[in-house]
Structures are given as C-alpha cells and as structure tokens.
Amino acid sequence: MQYWKQMKSCLVFLTMALVSVAAAPRALAYHEVGAGIDTCATWTSDRQSPAGPPALQDEQWVLGFLTGIGFAGSVADDPLNGVDAAGVWGWIDSYCKQRPEEKLVTAARAFFRSHPH
C-alpha cells in the first residue's frame, strides 16, 4: 500500500511539472533587420548631423520599433505614451553614449523597459 501512495505522489508531481513547463511563457523569436542592428556608436556618429539621411533613418527605425510594440503588444504596452520623438531620441542619445558597443535595438528595448506603459 505504501508503494502505491509513493507512486501516486510521484505521478502527481510529474504531471504538475509537465503542466507548468507547458504553460510557461515562451520567448517570442523575431528577426532584427535595418538600422536597429547597427551599434550605438553608429547612432551617436549619425546624430552628429541630425538632418542627415543616416540620422533620419536611425531615428525613424527607433520610432517604428517602439510604435510596433504599441501596435502588437498588449493594451498596457505603449512605450510612446506621453513622450515625443525628441524625448525618445534624447534618451537614446544618453543610453548610447554610455554603451557604444551595444546594438541600437538593445537601446530601444531598454527605452521600452524603462518607461511606464
């Protein structure tokens, strides 16, 4: 009888473990393309001429990335709520000056995580 109790407990534990693994959120995979794969050093260099095509490309990529999060995310995901484009770019400027080796997409993700949505 003791054997069956132990076996039943083991089966319950294994079932719960499998259910929790199956229900665990999975990281969404996506491909990064465009200006977001450039480094922060490139962002900083491009922003030396803010009206130049490279800076405009970088800036619009960041805004598009953040807008996409707002569009595809949950109702609570709106990283651009209460901030204008110049505010985003200034935040990215500061982030990238401190971390020139990181990708621009990493800076955009950090912006998203640091702003209430």
PDB file of N, CA and C in Angstrom:
ATOM      1  N   MET A   1       0.819  -1.184   0.000  1.00  0.00           N
ATOM      2  CA  MET A   1       0.000   0.000   0.000  1.00  0.00           C
ATOM      3  C   MET A   1       0.871   1.259   0.000  1.00  0.00           C
ATOM      4  N   GLN A   2       1.946   1.262   0.799  1.00  0.00           N
ATOM      5  CA  GLN A   2       2.856   2.404   0.873  1.00  0.00           C
ATOM      6  C   GLN A   2       3.487   2.682  -0.492  1.00  0.00           C
ATOM      7  N   TYR A   3       3.801   1.616  -1.212  1.00  0.00           N
ATOM      8  CA  TYR A   3       4.392   1.757  -2.536  1.00  0.00           C
ATOM      9  C   TYR A   3       3.456   2.540  -3.464  1.00  0.00           C
ATOM     10  N   TRP A   4       2.171   2.222  -3.458  1.00  0.00           N
ATOM     11  CA  TRP A   4       1.204   2.869  -4.329  1.00  0.00           C
ATOM     12  C   TRP A   4       1.008   4.338  -3.970  1.00  0.00           C
ATOM     13  N   LYS A   5       1.082   4.664  -2.681  1.00  0.00           N
ATOM     14  CA  LYS A   5       0.976   6.064  -2.259  1.00  0.00           C
ATOM     15  C   LYS A   5       2.159   6.870  -2.788  1.00  0.00           C
ATOM     16  N   GLN A   6       3.339   6.259  -2.678  1.00  0.00           N
ATOM     17  CA  GLN A   6       4.527   6.943  -3.185  1.00  0.00           C
ATOM     18  C   GLN A   6       4.471   7.103  -4.702  1.00  0.00           C
ATOM     19  N   MET A   7       3.998   6.061  -5.372  1.00  0.00           N
ATOM     20  CA  MET A   7       3.887   6.109  -6.828  1.00  0.00           C
ATOM     21  C   MET A   7       2.878   7.175  -7.247  1.00  0.00           C
ATOM     22  N   LYS A   8       1.755   7.239  -6.542  1.00  0.00           N
ATOM     23  CA  LYS A   8       0.741   8.236  -6.844  1.00  0.00           C
ATOM     24  C   LYS A   8       1.291   9.650  -6.630  1.00  0.00           C
ATOM     25  N   SER A   9       2.016   9.864  -5.534  1.00  0.00           N
ATOM     26  CA  SER A   9       2.621  11.167  -5.269  1.00  0.00           C
ATOM     27  C   SER A   9       3.612  11.538  -6.358  1.00  0.00           C
ATOM     28  N   CYS A  10       4.385  10.587  -6.800  1.00  0.00           N
ATOM     29  CA  CYS A  10       5.369  10.824  -7.856  1.00  0.00           C
ATOM     30  C   CYS A  10       4.666  11.202  -9.161  1.00  0.00           C
ATOM     31  N   LEU A  11       3.594  10.484  -9.506  1.00  0.00           N
ATOM     32  CA  LEU A  11       2.856  10.786 -10.730  1.00  0.00           C
ATOM     33  C   LEU A  11       2.199  12.161 -10.669  1.00  0.00           C
ATOM     34  N   VAL A  12       1.663  12.532  -9.520  1.00  0.00           N
ATOM     35  CA  VAL A  12       1.060  13.853  -9.361  1.00  0.00           C
ATOM     36  C   VAL A  12       2.127  14.926  -9.548  1.00  0.00           C
ATOM     37  N   PHE A  13       3.289  14.738  -8.939  1.00  0.00           N
ATOM     38  CA  PHE A  13       4.384  15.696  -9.073  1.00  0.00           C
ATOM     39  C   PHE A  13       4.819  15.828 -10.530  1.00  0.00           C
ATOM     40  N   LEU A  14       5.006  14.713 -11.218  1.00  0.00           N
ATOM     41  CA  LEU A  14       5.428  14.750 -12.615  1.00  0.00           C
ATOM     42  C   LEU A  14       4.383  15.434 -13.496  1.00  0.00           C
ATOM     43  N   THR A  15       3.112  15.153 -13.247  1.00  0.00           N
ATOM     44  CA  THR A  15       2.049  15.794 -14.011  1.00  0.00           C
ATOM     45  C   THR A  15       2.070  17.298 -13.805  1.00  0.00           C
ATOM     46  N   MET A  16       2.205  17.731 -12.568  1.00  0.00           N
ATOM     47  CA  MET A  16       2.248  19.167 -12.275  1.00  0.00           C
ATOM     48  C   MET A  16       3.466  19.808 -12.931  1.00  0.00           C
ATOM     49  N   ALA A  17       4.584  19.126 -12.905  1.00  0.00           N
ATOM     50  CA  ALA A  17       5.797  19.667 -13.525  1.00  0.00           C
ATOM     51  C   ALA A  17       5.615  19.817 -15.029  1.00  0.00           C
ATOM     52  N   LEU A  18       5.019  18.821 -15.670  1.00  0.00           N
ATOM     53  CA  LEU A  18       4.801  18.898 -17.115  1.00  0.00           C
ATOM     54  C   LEU A  18       3.816  20.004 -17.474  1.00  0.00           C
ATOM     55  N   VAL A  19       2.773  20.158 -16.690  1.00  0.00           N
ATOM     56  CA  VAL A  19       1.793  21.212 -16.952  1.00  0.00           C
ATOM     57  C   VAL A  19       2.438  22.581 -16.795  1.00  0.00           C
ATOM     58  N   SER A  20       3.259  22.755 -15.772  1.00  0.00           N
ATOM     59  CA  SER A  20       3.885  24.065 -15.572  1.00  0.00           C
ATOM     60  C   SER A  20       4.884  24.382 -16.675  1.00  0.00           C
ATOM     61  N   VAL A  21       5.585  23.383 -17.170  1.00  0.00           N
ATOM     62  CA  VAL A  21       6.527  23.611 -18.277  1.00  0.00           C
ATOM     63  C   VAL A  21       5.756  23.973 -19.541  1.00  0.00           C
ATOM     64  N   ALA A  22       4.665  23.267 -19.796  1.00  0.00           N
ATOM     65  CA  ALA A  22       3.868  23.540 -20.999  1.00  0.00           C
ATOM     66  C   ALA A  22       3.219  24.915 -20.940  1.00  0.00           C
ATOM     67  N   ALA A  23       2.867  25.361 -19.747  1.00  0.00           N
ATOM     68  CA  ALA A  23       2.179  26.648 -19.602  1.00  0.00           C
ATOM     69  C   ALA A  23       3.145  27.821 -19.468  1.00  0.00           C
ATOM     70  N   ALA A  24       4.429  27.560 -19.318  1.00  0.00           N
ATOM     71  CA  ALA A  24       5.407  28.638 -19.136  1.00  0.00           C
ATOM     72  C   ALA A  24       5.460  29.497 -20.390  1.00  0.00           C
ATOM     73  N   PRO A  25       5.562  30.825 -20.212  1.00  0.00           N
ATOM     74  CA  PRO A  25       5.631  31.693 -21.386  1.00  0.00           C
ATOM     75  C   PRO A  25       6.917  31.447 -22.154  1.00  0.00           C
ATOM     76  N   ARG A  26       6.797  31.465 -23.453  1.00  0.00           N
ATOM     77  CA  ARG A  26       7.967  31.268 -24.307  1.00  0.00           C
ATOM     78  C   ARG A  26       8.402  32.611 -24.866  1.00  0.00           C
ATOM     79  N   ALA A  27       9.702  32.761 -24.994  1.00  0.00           N
ATOM     80  CA  ALA A  27      10.230  33.982 -25.596  1.00  0.00           C
ATOM     81  C   ALA A  27       9.823  34.012 -27.066  1.00  0.00           C
ATOM     82  N   LEU A  28       9.334  35.132 -27.498  1.00  0.00           N
ATOM     83  CA  LEU A  28       8.964  35.261 -28.894  1.00  0.00           C
ATOM     84  C   LEU A  28      10.208  35.529 -29.715  1.00  0.00           C
ATOM     85  N   ALA A  29      10.355  34.795 -30.768  1.00  0.00           N
ATOM     86  CA  ALA A  29      11.512  34.979 -31.637  1.00  0.00           C
ATOM     87  C   ALA A  29      11.126  35.901 -32.788  1.00  0.00           C
ATOM     88  N   TYR A  30      11.997  36.780 -33.124  1.00  0.00           N
ATOM     89  CA  TYR A  30      11.788  37.640 -34.272  1.00  0.00           C
ATOM     90  C   TYR A  30      13.148  37.989 -34.840  1.00  0.00           C
ATOM     91  N   HIS A  31      13.150  38.474 -36.056  1.00  0.00           N
ATOM     92  CA  HIS A  31      14.396  38.817 -36.731  1.00  0.00           C
ATOM     93  C   HIS A  31      14.602  40.328 -36.678  1.00  0.00           C
ATOM     94  N   GLU A  32      15.816  40.714 -36.410  1.00  0.00           N
ATOM     95  CA  GLU A  32      16.171  42.128 -36.357  1.00  0.00           C
ATOM     96  C   GLU A  32      16.840  42.502 -37.673  1.00  0.00           C
ATOM     97  N   VAL A  33      16.277  43.498 -38.337  1.00  0.00           N
ATOM     98  CA  VAL A  33      16.849  43.986 -39.590  1.00  0.00           C
ATOM     99  C   VAL A  33      16.806  45.506 -39.582  1.00  0.00           C
ATOM    100  N   GLY A  34      17.518  46.094 -40.496  1.00  0.00           N
ATOM    101  CA  GLY A  34      17.508  47.549 -40.623  1.00  0.00           C
ATOM    102  C   GLY A  34      18.512  48.211 -39.707  1.00  0.00           C
ATOM    103  N   ALA A  35      18.284  49.483 -39.457  1.00  0.00           N
ATOM    104  CA  ALA A  35      19.220  50.294 -38.671  1.00  0.00           C
ATOM    105  C   ALA A  35      19.374  49.787 -37.242  1.00  0.00           C
ATOM    106  N   GLY A  36      18.416  49.027 -36.746  1.00  0.00           N
ATOM    107  CA  GLY A  36      18.486  48.535 -35.372  1.00  0.00           C
ATOM    108  C   GLY A  36      19.642  47.604 -35.087  1.00  0.00           C
ATOM    109  N   ILE A  37      20.212  47.018 -36.120  1.00  0.00           N
ATOM    110  CA  ILE A  37      21.339  46.116 -35.879  1.00  0.00           C
ATOM    111  C   ILE A  37      22.674  46.865 -35.840  1.00  0.00           C
ATOM    112  N   ASP A  38      22.639  48.152 -36.153  1.00  0.00           N
ATOM    113  CA  ASP A  38      23.849  48.974 -36.015  1.00  0.00           C
ATOM    114  C   ASP A  38      24.153  49.194 -34.536  1.00  0.00           C
ATOM    115  N   THR A  39      25.369  49.599 -34.256  1.00  0.00           N
ATOM    116  CA  THR A  39      25.758  49.833 -32.866  1.00  0.00           C
ATOM    117  C   THR A  39      25.333  51.223 -32.407  1.00  0.00           C
ATOM    118  N   CYS A  40      25.367  51.378 -31.111  1.00  0.00           N
ATOM    119  CA  CYS A  40      25.113  52.700 -30.530  1.00  0.00           C
ATOM    120  C   CYS A  40      26.164  53.705 -30.985  1.00  0.00           C
ATOM    121  N   ALA A  41      27.380  53.245 -31.229  1.00  0.00           N
ATOM    122  CA  ALA A  41      28.416  54.151 -31.738  1.00  0.00           C
ATOM    123  C   ALA A  41      27.995  54.727 -33.082  1.00  0.00           C
ATOM    124  N   THR A  42      27.364  53.914 -33.917  1.00  0.00           N
ATOM    125  CA  THR A  42      26.867  54.397 -35.204  1.00  0.00           C
ATOM    126  C   THR A  42      25.759  55.423 -34.984  1.00  0.00           C
ATOM    127  N   TRP A  43      24.837  55.127 -34.063  1.00  0.00           N
ATOM    128  CA  TRP A  43      23.766  56.088 -33.725  1.00  0.00           C
ATOM    129  C   TRP A  43      24.369  57.435 -33.339  1.00  0.00           C
ATOM    130  N   THR A  44      25.335  57.401 -32.427  1.00  0.00           N
ATOM    131  CA  THR A  44      25.947  58.634 -31.921  1.00  0.00           C
ATOM    132  C   THR A  44      26.640  59.387 -33.051  1.00  0.00           C
ATOM    133  N   SER A  45      27.340  58.677 -33.897  1.00  0.00           N
ATOM    134  CA  SER A  45      28.019  59.303 -35.032  1.00  0.00           C
ATOM    135  C   SER A  45      27.005  59.899 -36.010  1.00  0.00           C
ATOM    136  N   ASP A  46      25.974  59.136 -36.321  1.00  0.00           N
ATOM    137  CA  ASP A  46      24.950  59.620 -37.262  1.00  0.00           C
ATOM    138  C   ASP A  46      24.233  60.852 -36.727  1.00  0.00           C
ATOM    139  N   ARG A  47      24.043  60.912 -35.421  1.00  0.00           N
ATOM    140  CA  ARG A  47      23.310  62.027 -34.818  1.00  0.00           C
ATOM    141  C   ARG A  47      24.142  63.316 -34.758  1.00  0.00           C
ATOM    142  N   GLN A  48      25.403  63.266 -35.151  1.00  0.00           N
ATOM    143  CA  GLN A  48      26.217  64.476 -35.227  1.00  0.00           C
ATOM    144  C   GLN A  48      25.676  65.406 -36.308  1.00  0.00           C
ATOM    145  N   SER A  49      25.019  64.825 -37.315  1.00  0.00           N
ATOM    146  CA  SER A  49      24.339  65.606 -38.364  1.00  0.00           C
ATOM    147  C   SER A  49      22.868  65.204 -38.329  1.00  0.00           C
ATOM    148  N   PRO A  50      22.093  65.799 -37.404  1.00  0.00           N
ATOM    149  CA  PRO A  50      20.723  65.338 -37.184  1.00  0.00           C
ATOM    150  C   PRO A  50      19.802  65.405 -38.392  1.00  0.00           C
ATOM    151  N   ALA A  51      20.105  66.255 -39.359  1.00  0.00           N
ATOM    152  CA  ALA A  51      19.243  66.348 -40.537  1.00  0.00           C
ATOM    153  C   ALA A  51      19.709  65.429 -41.664  1.00  0.00           C
ATOM    154  N   GLY A  52      20.818  64.728 -41.441  1.00  0.00           N
ATOM    155  CA  GLY A  52      21.350  63.856 -42.484  1.00  0.00           C
ATOM    156  C   GLY A  52      20.573  62.554 -42.612  1.00  0.00           C
ATOM    157  N   PRO A  53      20.614  61.948 -43.800  1.00  0.00           N
ATOM    158  CA  PRO A  53      19.883  60.708 -44.028  1.00  0.00           C
ATOM    159  C   PRO A  53      20.191  59.582 -43.027  1.00  0.00           C
ATOM    160  N   PRO A  54      21.468  59.361 -42.629  1.00  0.00           N
ATOM    161  CA  PRO A  54      21.707  58.284 -41.662  1.00  0.00           C
ATOM    162  C   PRO A  54      21.003  58.519 -40.324  1.00  0.00           C
ATOM    163  N   ALA A  55      21.021  59.756 -39.838  1.00  0.00           N
ATOM    164  CA  ALA A  55      20.359  60.055 -38.565  1.00  0.00           C
ATOM    165  C   ALA A  55      18.849  59.872 -38.700  1.00  0.00           C
ATOM    166  N   LEU A  56      18.286  60.347 -39.800  1.00  0.00           N
ATOM    167  CA  LEU A  56      16.845  60.204 -40.010  1.00  0.00           C
ATOM    168  C   LEU A  56      16.440  58.738 -40.076  1.00  0.00           C
ATOM    169  N   GLN A  57      17.259  57.946 -40.736  1.00  0.00           N
ATOM    170  CA  GLN A  57      16.990  56.506 -40.815  1.00  0.00           C
ATOM    171  C   GLN A  57      16.998  55.879 -39.426  1.00  0.00           C
ATOM    172  N   ASP A  58      18.021  56.180 -38.649  1.00  0.00           N
ATOM    173  CA  ASP A  58      18.131  55.623 -37.293  1.00  0.00           C
ATOM    174  C   ASP A  58      16.946  56.050 -36.425  1.00  0.00           C
ATOM    175  N   GLU A  59      16.642  57.329 -36.465  1.00  0.00           N
ATOM    176  CA  GLU A  59      15.562  57.869 -35.632  1.00  0.00           C
ATOM    177  C   GLU A  59      14.227  57.230 -35.984  1.00  0.00           C
ATOM    178  N   GLN A  60      13.955  57.115 -37.282  1.00  0.00           N
ATOM    179  CA  GLN A  60      12.686  56.525 -37.704  1.00  0.00           C
ATOM    180  C   GLN A  60      12.631  55.034 -37.390  1.00  0.00           C
ATOM    181  N   TRP A  61      13.767  54.350 -37.443  1.00  0.00           N
ATOM    182  CA  TRP A  61      13.788  52.940 -37.077  1.00  0.00           C
ATOM    183  C   TRP A  61      13.381  52.790 -35.615  1.00  0.00           C
ATOM    184  N   VAL A  62      13.961  53.604 -34.726  1.00  0.00           N
ATOM    185  CA  VAL A  62      13.634  53.529 -33.297  1.00  0.00           C
ATOM    186  C   VAL A  62      12.150  53.804 -33.080  1.00  0.00           C
ATOM    187  N   LEU A  63      11.634  54.856 -33.698  1.00  0.00           N
ATOM    188  CA  LEU A  63      10.208  55.176 -33.533  1.00  0.00           C
ATOM    189  C   LEU A  63       9.324  54.057 -34.078  1.00  0.00           C
ATOM    190  N   GLY A  64       9.705  53.477 -35.197  1.00  0.00           N
ATOM    191  CA  GLY A  64       8.940  52.374 -35.766  1.00  0.00           C
ATOM    192  C   GLY A  64       8.954  51.148 -34.865  1.00  0.00           C
ATOM    193  N   PHE A  65      10.107  50.858 -34.292  1.00  0.00           N
ATOM    194  CA  PHE A  65      10.225  49.724 -33.367  1.00  0.00           C
ATOM    195  C   PHE A  65       9.300  49.924 -32.173  1.00  0.00           C
ATOM    196  N   LEU A  66       9.362  51.103 -31.573  1.00  0.00           N
ATOM    197  CA  LEU A  66       8.533  51.383 -30.396  1.00  0.00           C
ATOM    198  C   LEU A  66       7.049  51.452 -30.751  1.00  0.00           C
ATOM    199  N   THR A  67       6.735  52.001 -31.917  1.00  0.00           N
ATOM    200  CA  THR A  67       5.349  52.023 -32.373  1.00  0.00           C
ATOM    201  C   THR A  67       4.844  50.601 -32.588  1.00  0.00           C
ATOM    202  N   GLY A  68       5.693  49.751 -33.144  1.00  0.00           N
ATOM    203  CA  GLY A  68       5.327  48.349 -33.362  1.00  0.00           C
ATOM    204  C   GLY A  68       5.015  47.631 -32.064  1.00  0.00           C
ATOM    205  N   ILE A  69       5.762  47.935 -31.013  1.00  0.00           N
ATOM    206  CA  ILE A  69       5.466  47.342 -29.710  1.00  0.00           C
ATOM    207  C   ILE A  69       4.074  47.776 -29.261  1.00  0.00           C
ATOM    208  N   GLY A  70       3.780  49.058 -29.418  1.00  0.00           N
ATOM    209  CA  GLY A  70       2.464  49.561 -29.047  1.00  0.00           C
ATOM    210  C   GLY A  70       1.353  48.931 -29.868  1.00  0.00           C
ATOM    211  N   PHE A  71       1.616  48.693 -31.139  1.00  0.00           N
ATOM    212  CA  PHE A  71       0.610  48.117 -32.027  1.00  0.00           C
ATOM    213  C   PHE A  71       0.378  46.636 -31.730  1.00  0.00           C
ATOM    214  N   ALA A  72       1.462  45.879 -31.608  1.00  0.00           N
ATOM    215  CA  ALA A  72       1.349  44.428 -31.483  1.00  0.00           C
ATOM    216  C   ALA A  72       1.285  43.939 -30.040  1.00  0.00           C
ATOM    217  N   GLY A  73       1.651  44.789 -29.096  1.00  0.00           N
ATOM    218  CA  GLY A  73       1.670  44.374 -27.699  1.00  0.00           C
ATOM    219  C   GLY A  73       0.294  44.344 -27.080  1.00  0.00           C
ATOM    220  N   SER A  74       0.299  44.105 -25.803  1.00  0.00           N
ATOM    221  CA  SER A  74      -0.964  44.115 -25.071  1.00  0.00           C
ATOM    222  C   SER A  74      -1.436  45.553 -24.891  1.00  0.00           C
ATOM    223  N   VAL A  75      -2.616  45.702 -24.357  1.00  0.00           N
ATOM    224  CA  VAL A  75      -3.189  47.035 -24.147  1.00  0.00           C
ATOM    225  C   VAL A  75      -2.263  47.899 -23.293  1.00  0.00           C
ATOM    226  N   ALA A  76      -1.531  47.278 -22.375  1.00  0.00           N
ATOM    227  CA  ALA A  76      -0.664  48.020 -21.466  1.00  0.00           C
ATOM    228  C   ALA A  76       0.675  48.414 -22.099  1.00  0.00           C
ATOM    229  N   ASP A  77       0.974  47.931 -23.290  1.00  0.00           N
ATOM    230  CA  ASP A  77       2.257  48.211 -23.939  1.00  0.00           C
ATOM    231  C   ASP A  77       2.142  49.402 -24.877  1.00  0.00           C
ATOM    232  N   ASP A  78       2.530  50.568 -24.395  1.00  0.00           N
ATOM    233  CA  ASP A  78       2.516  51.774 -25.215  1.00  0.00           C
ATOM    234  C   ASP A  78       3.710  52.642 -24.823  1.00  0.00           C
ATOM    235  N   PRO A  79       4.910  52.271 -25.296  1.00  0.00           N
ATOM    236  CA  PRO A  79       6.112  52.978 -24.858  1.00  0.00           C
ATOM    237  C   PRO A  79       6.176  54.437 -25.274  1.00  0.00           C
ATOM    238  N   LEU A  80       5.376  54.856 -26.230  1.00  0.00           N
ATOM    239  CA  LEU A  80       5.419  56.246 -26.687  1.00  0.00           C
ATOM    240  C   LEU A  80       4.361  57.116 -26.019  1.00  0.00           C
ATOM    241  N   ASN A  81       3.618  56.551 -25.104  1.00  0.00           N
ATOM    242  CA  ASN A  81       2.596  57.318 -24.403  1.00  0.00           C
ATOM    243  C   ASN A  81       3.256  58.411 -23.555  1.00  0.00           C
ATOM    244  N   GLY A  82       2.907  59.652 -23.818  1.00  0.00           N
ATOM    245  CA  GLY A  82       3.412  60.765 -23.022  1.00  0.00           C
ATOM    246  C   GLY A  82       4.803  61.244 -23.371  1.00  0.00           C
ATOM    247  N   VAL A  83       5.360  60.782 -24.466  1.00  0.00           N
ATOM    248  CA  VAL A  83       6.702  61.216 -24.860  1.00  0.00           C
ATOM    249  C   VAL A  83       6.689  61.534 -26.356  1.00  0.00           C
ATOM    250  N   ASP A  84       7.432  62.558 -26.746  1.00  0.00           N
ATOM    251  CA  ASP A  84       7.507  62.883 -28.169  1.00  0.00           C
ATOM    252  C   ASP A  84       8.797  62.314 -28.759  1.00  0.00           C
ATOM    253  N   ALA A  85       8.937  62.448 -30.067  1.00  0.00           N
ATOM    254  CA  ALA A  85      10.095  61.886 -30.766  1.00  0.00           C
ATOM    255  C   ALA A  85      11.406  62.440 -30.218  1.00  0.00           C
ATOM    256  N   ALA A  86      11.458  63.757 -29.983  1.00  0.00           N
ATOM    257  CA  ALA A  86      12.699  64.353 -29.476  1.00  0.00           C
ATOM    258  C   ALA A  86      13.063  63.775 -28.106  1.00  0.00           C
ATOM    259  N   GLY A  87      12.080  63.482 -27.289  1.00  0.00           N
ATOM    260  CA  GLY A  87      12.334  62.876 -25.986  1.00  0.00           C
ATOM    261  C   GLY A  87      12.915  61.474 -26.119  1.00  0.00           C
ATOM    262  N   VAL A  88      12.389  60.713 -27.068  1.00  0.00           N
ATOM    263  CA  VAL A  88      12.918  59.362 -27.329  1.00  0.00           C
ATOM    264  C   VAL A  88      14.356  59.463 -27.791  1.00  0.00           C
ATOM    265  N   TRP A  89      14.603  60.325 -28.758  1.00  0.00           N
ATOM    266  CA  TRP A  89      15.959  60.437 -29.304  1.00  0.00           C
ATOM    267  C   TRP A  89      16.952  60.907 -28.252  1.00  0.00           C
ATOM    268  N   GLY A  90      16.550  61.832 -27.408  1.00  0.00           N
ATOM    269  CA  GLY A  90      17.435  62.284 -26.332  1.00  0.00           C
ATOM    270  C   GLY A  90      17.771  61.159 -25.370  1.00  0.00           C
ATOM    271  N   TRP A  91      16.776  60.338 -25.058  1.00  0.00           N
ATOM    272  CA  TRP A  91      17.001  59.204 -24.147  1.00  0.00           C
ATOM    273  C   TRP A  91      17.965  58.219 -24.803  1.00  0.00           C
ATOM    274  N   ILE A  92      17.745  57.924 -26.079  1.00  0.00           N
ATOM    275  CA  ILE A  92      18.626  57.001 -26.804  1.00  0.00           C
ATOM    276  C   ILE A  92      20.033  57.592 -26.906  1.00  0.00           C
ATOM    277  N   ASP A  93      20.151  58.908 -27.131  1.00  0.00           N
ATOM    278  CA  ASP A  93      21.469  59.568 -27.152  1.00  0.00           C
ATOM    279  C   ASP A  93      22.232  59.266 -25.863  1.00  0.00           C
ATOM    280  N   SER A  94      21.580  59.477 -24.737  1.00  0.00           N
ATOM    281  CA  SER A  94      22.238  59.261 -23.436  1.00  0.00           C
ATOM    282  C   SER A  94      22.625  57.802 -23.251  1.00  0.00           C
ATOM    283  N   TYR A  95      21.703  56.919 -23.582  1.00  0.00           N
ATOM    284  CA  TYR A  95      21.966  55.485 -23.429  1.00  0.00           C
ATOM    285  C   TYR A  95      23.163  55.076 -24.288  1.00  0.00           C
ATOM    286  N   CYS A  96      23.156  55.496 -25.534  1.00  0.00           N
ATOM    287  CA  CYS A  96      24.195  55.072 -26.474  1.00  0.00           C
ATOM    288  C   CYS A  96      25.570  55.669 -26.173  1.00  0.00           C
ATOM    289  N   LYS A  97      25.607  56.859 -25.619  1.00  0.00           N
ATOM    290  CA  LYS A  97      26.899  57.438 -25.250  1.00  0.00           C
ATOM    291  C   LYS A  97      27.579  56.603 -24.166  1.00  0.00           C
ATOM    292  N   GLN A  98      26.796  55.994 -23.305  1.00  0.00           N
ATOM    293  CA  GLN A  98      27.339  55.173 -22.224  1.00  0.00           C
ATOM    294  C   GLN A  98      27.646  53.749 -22.664  1.00  0.00           C
ATOM    295  N   ARG A  99      27.043  53.295 -23.773  1.00  0.00           N
ATOM    296  CA  ARG A  99      27.177  51.901 -24.211  1.00  0.00           C
ATOM    297  C   ARG A  99      27.395  51.834 -25.728  1.00  0.00           C
ATOM    298  N   PRO A 100      28.487  52.374 -26.236  1.00  0.00           N
ATOM    299  CA  PRO A 100      28.677  52.463 -27.692  1.00  0.00           C
ATOM    300  C   PRO A 100      28.740  51.117 -28.407  1.00  0.00           C
ATOM    301  N   GLU A 101      29.071  50.053 -27.706  1.00  0.00           N
ATOM    302  CA  GLU A 101      29.215  48.748 -28.356  1.00  0.00           C
ATOM    303  C   GLU A 101      27.892  48.002 -28.508  1.00  0.00           C
ATOM    304  N   GLU A 102      26.857  48.438 -27.826  1.00  0.00           N
ATOM    305  CA  GLU A 102      25.570  47.743 -27.903  1.00  0.00           C
ATOM    306  C   GLU A 102      24.837  48.091 -29.191  1.00  0.00           C
ATOM    307  N   LYS A 103      23.909  47.208 -29.577  1.00  0.00           N
ATOM    308  CA  LYS A 103      23.089  47.454 -30.757  1.00  0.00           C
ATOM    309  C   LYS A 103      22.028  48.502 -30.456  1.00  0.00           C
ATOM    310  N   LEU A 104      21.604  49.183 -31.497  1.00  0.00           N
ATOM    311  CA  LEU A 104      20.533  50.164 -31.365  1.00  0.00           C
ATOM    312  C   LEU A 104      19.242  49.500 -30.881  1.00  0.00           C
ATOM    313  N   VAL A 105      18.973  48.293 -31.322  1.00  0.00           N
ATOM    314  CA  VAL A 105      17.771  47.587 -30.871  1.00  0.00           C
ATOM    315  C   VAL A 105      17.811  47.340 -29.368  1.00  0.00           C
ATOM    316  N   THR A 106      18.988  47.131 -28.818  1.00  0.00           N
ATOM    317  CA  THR A 106      19.127  46.950 -27.373  1.00  0.00           C
ATOM    318  C   THR A 106      18.770  48.244 -26.650  1.00  0.00           C
ATOM    319  N   ALA A 107      19.193  49.364 -27.216  1.00  0.00           N
ATOM    320  CA  ALA A 107      18.838  50.666 -26.638  1.00  0.00           C
ATOM    321  C   ALA A 107      17.327  50.886 -26.703  1.00  0.00           C
ATOM    322  N   ALA A 108      16.708  50.524 -27.826  1.00  0.00           N
ATOM    323  CA  ALA A 108      15.259  50.697 -27.966  1.00  0.00           C
ATOM    324  C   ALA A 108      14.511  49.799 -26.980  1.00  0.00           C
ATOM    325  N   ARG A 109      14.997  48.579 -26.781  1.00  0.00           N
ATOM    326  CA  ARG A 109      14.379  47.693 -25.781  1.00  0.00           C
ATOM    327  C   ARG A 109      14.521  48.284 -24.386  1.00  0.00           C
ATOM    328  N   ALA A 110      15.678  48.857 -24.093  1.00  0.00           N
ATOM    329  CA  ALA A 110      15.906  49.469 -22.773  1.00  0.00           C
ATOM    330  C   ALA A 110      14.963  50.649 -22.567  1.00  0.00           C
ATOM    331  N   PHE A 111      14.738  51.420 -23.621  1.00  0.00           N
ATOM    332  CA  PHE A 111      13.775  52.518 -23.527  1.00  0.00           C
ATOM    333  C   PHE A 111      12.398  51.966 -23.162  1.00  0.00           C
ATOM    334  N   PHE A 112      11.985  50.929 -23.848  1.00  0.00           N
ATOM    335  CA  PHE A 112      10.683  50.308 -23.581  1.00  0.00           C
ATOM    336  C   PHE A 112      10.575  49.849 -22.117  1.00  0.00           C
ATOM    337  N   ARG A 113      11.612  49.167 -21.638  1.00  0.00           N
ATOM    338  CA  ARG A 113      11.582  48.656 -20.254  1.00  0.00           C
ATOM    339  C   ARG A 113      11.622  49.778 -19.215  1.00  0.00           C
ATOM    340  N   SER A 114      12.223  50.907 -19.552  1.00  0.00           N
ATOM    341  CA  SER A 114      12.394  51.959 -18.550  1.00  0.00           C
ATOM    342  C   SER A 114      11.242  52.956 -18.507  1.00  0.00           C
ATOM    343  N   HIS A 115      10.326  52.860 -19.444  1.00  0.00           N
ATOM    344  CA  HIS A 115       9.204  53.815 -19.464  1.00  0.00           C
ATOM    345  C   HIS A 115       7.905  53.110 -19.112  1.00  0.00           C
ATOM    346  N   PRO A 116       7.144  53.741 -18.243  1.00  0.00           N
ATOM    347  CA  PRO A 116       5.859  53.134 -17.899  1.00  0.00           C
ATOM    348  C   PRO A 116       4.984  53.019 -19.143  1.00  0.00           C
ATOM    349  N   HIS A 117       4.293  51.933 -19.240  1.00  0.00           N
ATOM    350  CA  HIS A 117       3.480  51.718 -20.430  1.00  0.00           C
ATOM    351  C   HIS A 117       2.026  51.768 -20.027  1.00  0.00           C
TER     352      HIS A 117
END
